Amino acid sequence: MACGTPVLTSTSSLPELVGNAAVLVDPRDVASIAAGLLRIVTDGPLRDRLRVLGLERAALYDWDVTARATSTVLHAAAR
């Protein structure tokens, strides 16, 4: 997403991460994966929308913020 690449991902734990910026598929269903890939490859407006939404969504995540939050949680758990 951070590179502007349309994303296809599974419906497991990733919907919370990608929001509406990806095509979601059942990771255990080959037909679902194939259909999702086909949508991205053949639907130009969808591809364009996913590029824009993906860049916006990826911008919400910051490694420094994540590292600080992780450090806080780990230090609290160690007490």
PDB file of N, CA and C in Angstrom:
ATOM      1  N   MET A   1       0.821  -1.189   0.000  1.00  0.00           N
ATOM      2  CA  MET A   1       0.000   0.000   0.000  1.00  0.00           C
ATOM      3  C   MET A   1       0.864   1.252   0.000  1.00  0.00           C
ATOM      4  N   ALA A   2       1.925   1.242   0.768  1.00  0.00           N
ATOM      5  CA  ALA A   2       2.777   2.421   0.885  1.00  0.00           C
ATOM      6  C   ALA A   2       3.476   2.765  -0.422  1.00  0.00           C
ATOM      7  N   CYS A   3       3.528   1.829  -1.337  1.00  0.00           N
ATOM      8  CA  CYS A   3       4.157   2.058  -2.647  1.00  0.00           C
ATOM      9  C   CYS A   3       3.130   2.363  -3.729  1.00  0.00           C
ATOM     10  N   GLY A   4       1.857   2.437  -3.378  1.00  0.00           N
ATOM     11  CA  GLY A   4       0.829   2.702  -4.365  1.00  0.00           C
ATOM     12  C   GLY A   4       0.401   1.477  -5.143  1.00  0.00           C
ATOM     13  N   THR A   5       0.714   0.309  -4.620  1.00  0.00           N
ATOM     14  CA  THR A   5       0.332  -0.938  -5.274  1.00  0.00           C
ATOM     15  C   THR A   5      -1.031  -1.392  -4.754  1.00  0.00           C
ATOM     16  N   PRO A   6      -1.989  -1.685  -5.640  1.00  0.00           N
ATOM     17  CA  PRO A   6      -3.271  -2.204  -5.173  1.00  0.00           C
ATOM     18  C   PRO A   6      -3.055  -3.499  -4.381  1.00  0.00           C
ATOM     19  N   VAL A   7      -3.786  -3.624  -3.297  1.00  0.00           N
ATOM     20  CA  VAL A   7      -3.572  -4.745  -2.373  1.00  0.00           C
ATOM     21  C   VAL A   7      -4.741  -5.717  -2.390  1.00  0.00           C
ATOM     22  N   LEU A   8      -4.408  -6.999  -2.391  1.00  0.00           N
ATOM     23  CA  LEU A   8      -5.348  -8.094  -2.195  1.00  0.00           C
ATOM     24  C   LEU A   8      -4.891  -8.779  -0.919  1.00  0.00           C
ATOM     25  N   THR A   9      -5.785  -8.949   0.031  1.00  0.00           N
ATOM     26  CA  THR A   9      -5.385  -9.568   1.294  1.00  0.00           C
ATOM     27  C   THR A   9      -6.515 -10.427   1.840  1.00  0.00           C
ATOM     28  N   SER A  10      -6.200 -11.146   2.891  1.00  0.00           N
ATOM     29  CA  SER A  10      -7.168 -12.104   3.425  1.00  0.00           C
ATOM     30  C   SER A  10      -8.113 -11.465   4.427  1.00  0.00           C
ATOM     31  N   THR A  11      -9.214 -12.142   4.644  1.00  0.00           N
ATOM     32  CA  THR A  11     -10.230 -11.693   5.593  1.00  0.00           C
ATOM     33  C   THR A  11      -9.907 -12.131   7.015  1.00  0.00           C
ATOM     34  N   SER A  12      -8.698 -12.614   7.247  1.00  0.00           N
ATOM     35  CA  SER A  12      -8.335 -13.069   8.593  1.00  0.00           C
ATOM     36  C   SER A  12      -8.206 -11.879   9.534  1.00  0.00           C
ATOM     37  N   SER A  13      -7.006 -11.433   9.835  1.00  0.00           N
ATOM     38  CA  SER A  13      -6.824 -10.326  10.773  1.00  0.00           C
ATOM     39  C   SER A  13      -6.497  -9.016  10.080  1.00  0.00           C
ATOM     40  N   LEU A  14      -6.433  -8.999   8.779  1.00  0.00           N
ATOM     41  CA  LEU A  14      -5.959  -7.811   8.073  1.00  0.00           C
ATOM     42  C   LEU A  14      -7.003  -6.756   7.721  1.00  0.00           C
ATOM     43  N   PRO A  15      -8.291  -7.035   7.749  1.00  0.00           N
ATOM     44  CA  PRO A  15      -9.253  -5.985   7.436  1.00  0.00           C
ATOM     45  C   PRO A  15      -9.081  -4.737   8.315  1.00  0.00           C
ATOM     46  N   GLU A  16      -8.731  -4.928   9.581  1.00  0.00           N
ATOM     47  CA  GLU A  16      -8.536  -3.802  10.482  1.00  0.00           C
ATOM     48  C   GLU A  16      -7.360  -2.944  10.027  1.00  0.00           C
ATOM     49  N   LEU A  17      -6.373  -3.553   9.431  1.00  0.00           N
ATOM     50  CA  LEU A  17      -5.189  -2.835   8.970  1.00  0.00           C
ATOM     51  C   LEU A  17      -5.455  -2.085   7.672  1.00  0.00           C
ATOM     52  N   VAL A  18      -6.073  -2.743   6.707  1.00  0.00           N
ATOM     53  CA  VAL A  18      -6.232  -2.145   5.380  1.00  0.00           C
ATOM     54  C   VAL A  18      -7.485  -1.298   5.230  1.00  0.00           C
ATOM     55  N   GLY A  19      -8.463  -1.473   6.105  1.00  0.00           N
ATOM     56  CA  GLY A  19      -9.703  -0.712   5.974  1.00  0.00           C
ATOM     57  C   GLY A  19     -10.365  -0.991   4.636  1.00  0.00           C
ATOM     58  N   ASN A  20     -10.731   0.053   3.923  1.00  0.00           N
ATOM     59  CA  ASN A  20     -11.377  -0.109   2.615  1.00  0.00           C
ATOM     60  C   ASN A  20     -10.378   0.052   1.467  1.00  0.00           C
ATOM     61  N   ALA A  21      -9.085  -0.082   1.780  1.00  0.00           N
ATOM     62  CA  ALA A  21      -8.036   0.160   0.791  1.00  0.00           C
ATOM     63  C   ALA A  21      -7.492  -1.115   0.153  1.00  0.00           C
ATOM     64  N   ALA A  22      -8.254  -2.190   0.205  1.00  0.00           N
ATOM     65  CA  ALA A  22      -7.793  -3.453  -0.375  1.00  0.00           C
ATOM     66  C   ALA A  22      -8.986  -4.314  -0.765  1.00  0.00           C
ATOM     67  N   VAL A  23      -8.717  -5.270  -1.634  1.00  0.00           N
ATOM     68  CA  VAL A  23      -9.710  -6.298  -1.957  1.00  0.00           C
ATOM     69  C   VAL A  23      -9.484  -7.423  -0.957  1.00  0.00           C
ATOM     70  N   LEU A  24     -10.532  -7.800  -0.252  1.00  0.00           N
ATOM     71  CA  LEU A  24     -10.439  -8.863   0.756  1.00  0.00           C
ATOM     72  C   LEU A  24     -10.940 -10.177   0.184  1.00  0.00           C
ATOM     73  N   VAL A  25     -10.203 -11.256   0.465  1.00  0.00           N
ATOM     74  CA  VAL A  25     -10.568 -12.578  -0.027  1.00  0.00           C
ATOM     75  C   VAL A  25     -10.455 -13.601   1.092  1.00  0.00           C
ATOM     76  N   ASP A  26     -11.131 -14.711   0.914  1.00  0.00           N
ATOM     77  CA  ASP A  26     -11.031 -15.837   1.846  1.00  0.00           C
ATOM     78  C   ASP A  26      -9.714 -16.559   1.561  1.00  0.00           C
ATOM     79  N   PRO A  27      -8.800 -16.600   2.514  1.00  0.00           N
ATOM     80  CA  PRO A  27      -7.489 -17.201   2.261  1.00  0.00           C
ATOM     81  C   PRO A  27      -7.530 -18.715   2.047  1.00  0.00           C
ATOM     82  N   ARG A  28      -8.654 -19.331   2.374  1.00  0.00           N
ATOM     83  CA  ARG A  28      -8.774 -20.784   2.198  1.00  0.00           C
ATOM     84  C   ARG A  28      -9.529 -21.156   0.933  1.00  0.00           C
ATOM     85  N   ASP A  29      -9.902 -20.158   0.143  1.00  0.00           N
ATOM     86  CA  ASP A  29     -10.735 -20.398  -1.029  1.00  0.00           C
ATOM     87  C   ASP A  29     -10.012 -19.902  -2.285  1.00  0.00           C
ATOM     88  N   VAL A  30      -9.507 -20.839  -3.052  1.00  0.00           N
ATOM     89  CA  VAL A  30      -8.745 -20.499  -4.257  1.00  0.00           C
ATOM     90  C   VAL A  30      -9.588 -19.667  -5.221  1.00  0.00           C
ATOM     91  N   ALA A  31     -10.864 -19.985  -5.343  1.00  0.00           N
ATOM     92  CA  ALA A  31     -11.736 -19.237  -6.240  1.00  0.00           C
ATOM     93  C   ALA A  31     -11.883 -17.783  -5.788  1.00  0.00           C
ATOM     94  N   SER A  32     -11.953 -17.578  -4.480  1.00  0.00           N
ATOM     95  CA  SER A  32     -12.044 -16.227  -3.938  1.00  0.00           C
ATOM     96  C   SER A  32     -10.771 -15.433  -4.235  1.00  0.00           C
ATOM     97  N   ILE A  33      -9.636 -16.059  -4.053  1.00  0.00           N
ATOM     98  CA  ILE A  33      -8.350 -15.408  -4.341  1.00  0.00           C
ATOM     99  C   ILE A  33      -8.255 -15.071  -5.827  1.00  0.00           C
ATOM    100  N   ALA A  34      -8.596 -16.029  -6.675  1.00  0.00           N
ATOM    101  CA  ALA A  34      -8.540 -15.809  -8.124  1.00  0.00           C
ATOM    102  C   ALA A  34      -9.486 -14.681  -8.540  1.00  0.00           C
ATOM    103  N   ALA A  35     -10.688 -14.663  -7.979  1.00  0.00           N
ATOM    104  CA  ALA A  35     -11.656 -13.617  -8.320  1.00  0.00           C
ATOM    105  C   ALA A  35     -11.156 -12.244  -7.875  1.00  0.00           C
ATOM    106  N   GLY A  36     -10.542 -12.199  -6.713  1.00  0.00           N
ATOM    107  CA  GLY A  36      -9.992 -10.933  -6.226  1.00  0.00           C
ATOM    108  C   GLY A  36      -8.872 -10.424  -7.117  1.00  0.00           C
ATOM    109  N   LEU A  37      -7.986 -11.315  -7.500  1.00  0.00           N
ATOM    110  CA  LEU A  37      -6.900 -10.931  -8.408  1.00  0.00           C
ATOM    111  C   LEU A  37      -7.450 -10.466  -9.751  1.00  0.00           C
ATOM    112  N   LEU A  38      -8.434 -11.186 -10.256  1.00  0.00           N
ATOM    113  CA  LEU A  38      -9.041 -10.818 -11.531  1.00  0.00           C
ATOM    114  C   LEU A  38      -9.682  -9.438 -11.458  1.00  0.00           C
ATOM    115  N   ARG A  39     -10.347  -9.143 -10.348  1.00  0.00           N
ATOM    116  CA  ARG A  39     -10.950  -7.810 -10.173  1.00  0.00           C
ATOM    117  C   ARG A  39      -9.893  -6.724 -10.253  1.00  0.00           C
ATOM    118  N   ILE A  40      -8.780  -6.924  -9.554  1.00  0.00           N
ATOM    119  CA  ILE A  40      -7.723  -5.910  -9.548  1.00  0.00           C
ATOM    120  C   ILE A  40      -7.109  -5.749 -10.934  1.00  0.00           C
ATOM    121  N   VAL A  41      -6.893  -6.848 -11.619  1.00  0.00           N
ATOM    122  CA  VAL A  41      -6.252  -6.798 -12.933  1.00  0.00           C
ATOM    123  C   VAL A  41      -7.161  -6.184 -13.997  1.00  0.00           C
ATOM    124  N   THR A  42      -8.453  -6.461 -13.932  1.00  0.00           N
ATOM    125  CA  THR A  42      -9.348  -6.046 -15.015  1.00  0.00           C
ATOM    126  C   THR A  42     -10.135  -4.767 -14.755  1.00  0.00           C
ATOM    127  N   ASP A  43     -10.201  -4.318 -13.522  1.00  0.00           N
ATOM    128  CA  ASP A  43     -11.018  -3.153 -13.178  1.00  0.00           C
ATOM    129  C   ASP A  43     -10.120  -1.943 -12.915  1.00  0.00           C
ATOM    130  N   GLY A  44      -9.895  -1.155 -13.965  1.00  0.00           N
ATOM    131  CA  GLY A  44      -9.016   0.011 -13.860  1.00  0.00           C
ATOM    132  C   GLY A  44      -9.442   1.011 -12.802  1.00  0.00           C
ATOM    133  N   PRO A  45     -10.720   1.389 -12.748  1.00  0.00           N
ATOM    134  CA  PRO A  45     -11.143   2.331 -11.701  1.00  0.00           C
ATOM    135  C   PRO A  45     -10.912   1.781 -10.282  1.00  0.00           C
ATOM    136  N   LEU A  46     -11.129   0.479 -10.090  1.00  0.00           N
ATOM    137  CA  LEU A  46     -10.863  -0.133  -8.789  1.00  0.00           C
ATOM    138  C   LEU A  46      -9.373  -0.024  -8.464  1.00  0.00           C
ATOM    139  N   ARG A  47      -8.523  -0.369  -9.425  1.00  0.00           N
ATOM    140  CA  ARG A  47      -7.070  -0.275  -9.228  1.00  0.00           C
ATOM    141  C   ARG A  47      -6.666   1.138  -8.830  1.00  0.00           C
ATOM    142  N   ASP A  48      -7.197   2.119  -9.550  1.00  0.00           N
ATOM    143  CA  ASP A  48      -6.867   3.512  -9.261  1.00  0.00           C
ATOM    144  C   ASP A  48      -7.325   3.908  -7.859  1.00  0.00           C
ATOM    145  N   ARG A  49      -8.540   3.485  -7.496  1.00  0.00           N
ATOM    146  CA  ARG A  49      -9.074   3.805  -6.163  1.00  0.00           C
ATOM    147  C   ARG A  49      -8.234   3.150  -5.073  1.00  0.00           C
ATOM    148  N   LEU A  50      -7.848   1.881  -5.292  1.00  0.00           N
ATOM    149  CA  LEU A  50      -7.033   1.183  -4.294  1.00  0.00           C
ATOM    150  C   LEU A  50      -5.663   1.838  -4.131  1.00  0.00           C
ATOM    151  N   ARG A  51      -5.100   2.335  -5.223  1.00  0.00           N
ATOM    152  CA  ARG A  51      -3.811   3.035  -5.127  1.00  0.00           C
ATOM    153  C   ARG A  51      -3.929   4.253  -4.216  1.00  0.00           C
ATOM    154  N   VAL A  52      -4.945   5.064  -4.465  1.00  0.00           N
ATOM    155  CA  VAL A  52      -5.128   6.294  -3.688  1.00  0.00           C
ATOM    156  C   VAL A  52      -5.444   5.968  -2.229  1.00  0.00           C
ATOM    157  N   LEU A  53      -6.423   5.090  -2.025  1.00  0.00           N
ATOM    158  CA  LEU A  53      -6.808   4.728  -0.657  1.00  0.00           C
ATOM    159  C   LEU A  53      -5.672   4.042   0.085  1.00  0.00           C
ATOM    160  N   GLY A  54      -4.904   3.223  -0.616  1.00  0.00           N
ATOM    161  CA  GLY A  54      -3.782   2.532   0.012  1.00  0.00           C
ATOM    162  C   GLY A  54      -2.715   3.489   0.495  1.00  0.00           C
ATOM    163  N   LEU A  55      -2.384   4.479  -0.325  1.00  0.00           N
ATOM    164  CA  LEU A  55      -1.394   5.475   0.088  1.00  0.00           C
ATOM    165  C   LEU A  55      -1.896   6.259   1.301  1.00  0.00           C
ATOM    166  N   GLU A  56      -3.179   6.613   1.282  1.00  0.00           N
ATOM    167  CA  GLU A  56      -3.758   7.332   2.425  1.00  0.00           C
ATOM    168  C   GLU A  56      -3.739   6.471   3.680  1.00  0.00           C
ATOM    169  N   ARG A  57      -4.094   5.210   3.524  1.00  0.00           N
ATOM    170  CA  ARG A  57      -4.144   4.308   4.681  1.00  0.00           C
ATOM    171  C   ARG A  57      -2.748   4.046   5.233  1.00  0.00           C
ATOM    172  N   ALA A  58      -1.791   3.817   4.355  1.00  0.00           N
ATOM    173  CA  ALA A  58      -0.420   3.551   4.788  1.00  0.00           C
ATOM    174  C   ALA A  58       0.172   4.749   5.523  1.00  0.00           C
ATOM    175  N   ALA A  59      -0.237   5.950   5.151  1.00  0.00           N
ATOM    176  CA  ALA A  59       0.276   7.153   5.803  1.00  0.00           C
ATOM    177  C   ALA A  59      -0.170   7.251   7.260  1.00  0.00           C
ATOM    178  N   LEU A  60      -1.203   6.500   7.633  1.00  0.00           N
ATOM    179  CA  LEU A  60      -1.669   6.508   9.026  1.00  0.00           C
ATOM    180  C   LEU A  60      -0.725   5.767   9.958  1.00  0.00           C
ATOM    181  N   TYR A  61       0.147   4.937   9.396  1.00  0.00           N
ATOM    182  CA  TYR A  61       1.031   4.112  10.202  1.00  0.00           C
ATOM    183  C   TYR A  61       2.431   4.705  10.195  1.00  0.00           C
ATOM    184  N   ASP A  62       3.000   4.816  11.376  1.00  0.00           N
ATOM    185  CA  ASP A  62       4.310   5.438  11.542  1.00  0.00           C
ATOM    186  C   ASP A  62       5.166   4.514  12.413  1.00  0.00           C
ATOM    187  N   TRP A  63       6.345   4.150  11.922  1.00  0.00           N
ATOM    188  CA  TRP A  63       7.203   3.211  12.650  1.00  0.00           C
ATOM    189  C   TRP A  63       7.627   3.752  14.005  1.00  0.00           C
ATOM    190  N   ASP A  64       7.921   5.053  14.098  1.00  0.00           N
ATOM    191  CA  ASP A  64       8.338   5.622  15.381  1.00  0.00           C
ATOM    192  C   ASP A  64       7.217   5.544  16.409  1.00  0.00           C
ATOM    193  N   VAL A  65       6.012   5.870  15.995  1.00  0.00           N
ATOM    194  CA  VAL A  65       4.858   5.785  16.898  1.00  0.00           C
ATOM    195  C   VAL A  65       4.635   4.337  17.324  1.00  0.00           C
ATOM    196  N   THR A  66       4.730   3.425  16.377  1.00  0.00           N
ATOM    197  CA  THR A  66       4.544   2.003  16.675  1.00  0.00           C
ATOM    198  C   THR A  66       5.613   1.506  17.637  1.00  0.00           C
ATOM    199  N   ALA A  67       6.854   1.900  17.410  1.00  0.00           N
ATOM    200  CA  ALA A  67       7.952   1.466  18.291  1.00  0.00           C
ATOM    201  C   ALA A  67       7.748   1.997  19.706  1.00  0.00           C
ATOM    202  N   ARG A  68       7.365   3.246  19.830  1.00  0.00           N
ATOM    203  CA  ARG A  68       7.131   3.814  21.171  1.00  0.00           C
ATOM    204  C   ARG A  68       5.976   3.106  21.875  1.00  0.00           C
ATOM    205  N   ALA A  69       4.895   2.866  21.158  1.00  0.00           N
ATOM    206  CA  ALA A  69       3.744   2.187  21.763  1.00  0.00           C
ATOM    207  C   ALA A  69       4.111   0.766  22.184  1.00  0.00           C
ATOM    208  N   THR A  70       4.867   0.078  21.347  1.00  0.00           N
ATOM    209  CA  THR A  70       5.297  -1.284  21.682  1.00  0.00           C
ATOM    210  C   THR A  70       6.198  -1.267  22.902  1.00  0.00           C
ATOM    211  N   SER A  71       7.109  -0.335  22.950  1.00  0.00           N
ATOM    212  CA  SER A  71       8.015  -0.214  24.098  1.00  0.00           C
ATOM    213  C   SER A  71       7.241   0.048  25.381  1.00  0.00           C
ATOM    214  N   THR A  72       6.254   0.914  25.306  1.00  0.00           N
ATOM    215  CA  THR A  72       5.427   1.219  26.488  1.00  0.00           C
ATOM    216  C   THR A  72       4.708  -0.027  26.980  1.00  0.00           C
ATOM    217  N   VAL A  73       4.124  -0.773  26.074  1.00  0.00           N
ATOM    218  CA  VAL A  73       3.389  -1.986  26.447  1.00  0.00           C
ATOM    219  C   VAL A  73       4.354  -3.017  27.056  1.00  0.00           C
ATOM    220  N   LEU A  74       5.513  -3.200  26.450  1.00  0.00           N
ATOM    221  CA  LEU A  74       6.476  -4.190  26.945  1.00  0.00           C
ATOM    222  C   LEU A  74       7.010  -3.799  28.321  1.00  0.00           C
ATOM    223  N   HIS A  75       7.284  -2.526  28.513  1.00  0.00           N
ATOM    224  CA  HIS A  75       7.760  -2.082  29.831  1.00  0.00           C
ATOM    225  C   HIS A  75       6.681  -2.248  30.894  1.00  0.00           C
ATOM    226  N   ALA A  76       5.449  -1.957  30.540  1.00  0.00           N
ATOM    227  CA  ALA A  76       4.344  -2.130  31.487  1.00  0.00           C
ATOM    228  C   ALA A  76       4.151  -3.605  31.836  1.00  0.00           C
ATOM    229  N   ALA A  77       4.320  -4.483  30.868  1.00  0.00           N
ATOM    230  CA  ALA A  77       4.150  -5.922  31.111  1.00  0.00           C
ATOM    231  C   ALA A  77       5.278  -6.475  31.960  1.00  0.00           C
ATOM    232  N   ALA A  78       6.446  -5.856  31.897  1.00  0.00           N
ATOM    233  CA  ALA A  78       7.614  -6.344  32.635  1.00  0.00           C
ATOM    234  C   ALA A  78       7.546  -5.939  34.105  1.00  0.00           C
ATOM    235  N   ARG A  79       6.659  -5.029  34.455  1.00  0.00           N
ATOM    236  CA  ARG A  79       6.579  -4.565  35.853  1.00  0.00           C
ATOM    237  C   ARG A  79       5.853  -5.521  36.727  1.00  0.00           C
TER     238      ARG A  79
END
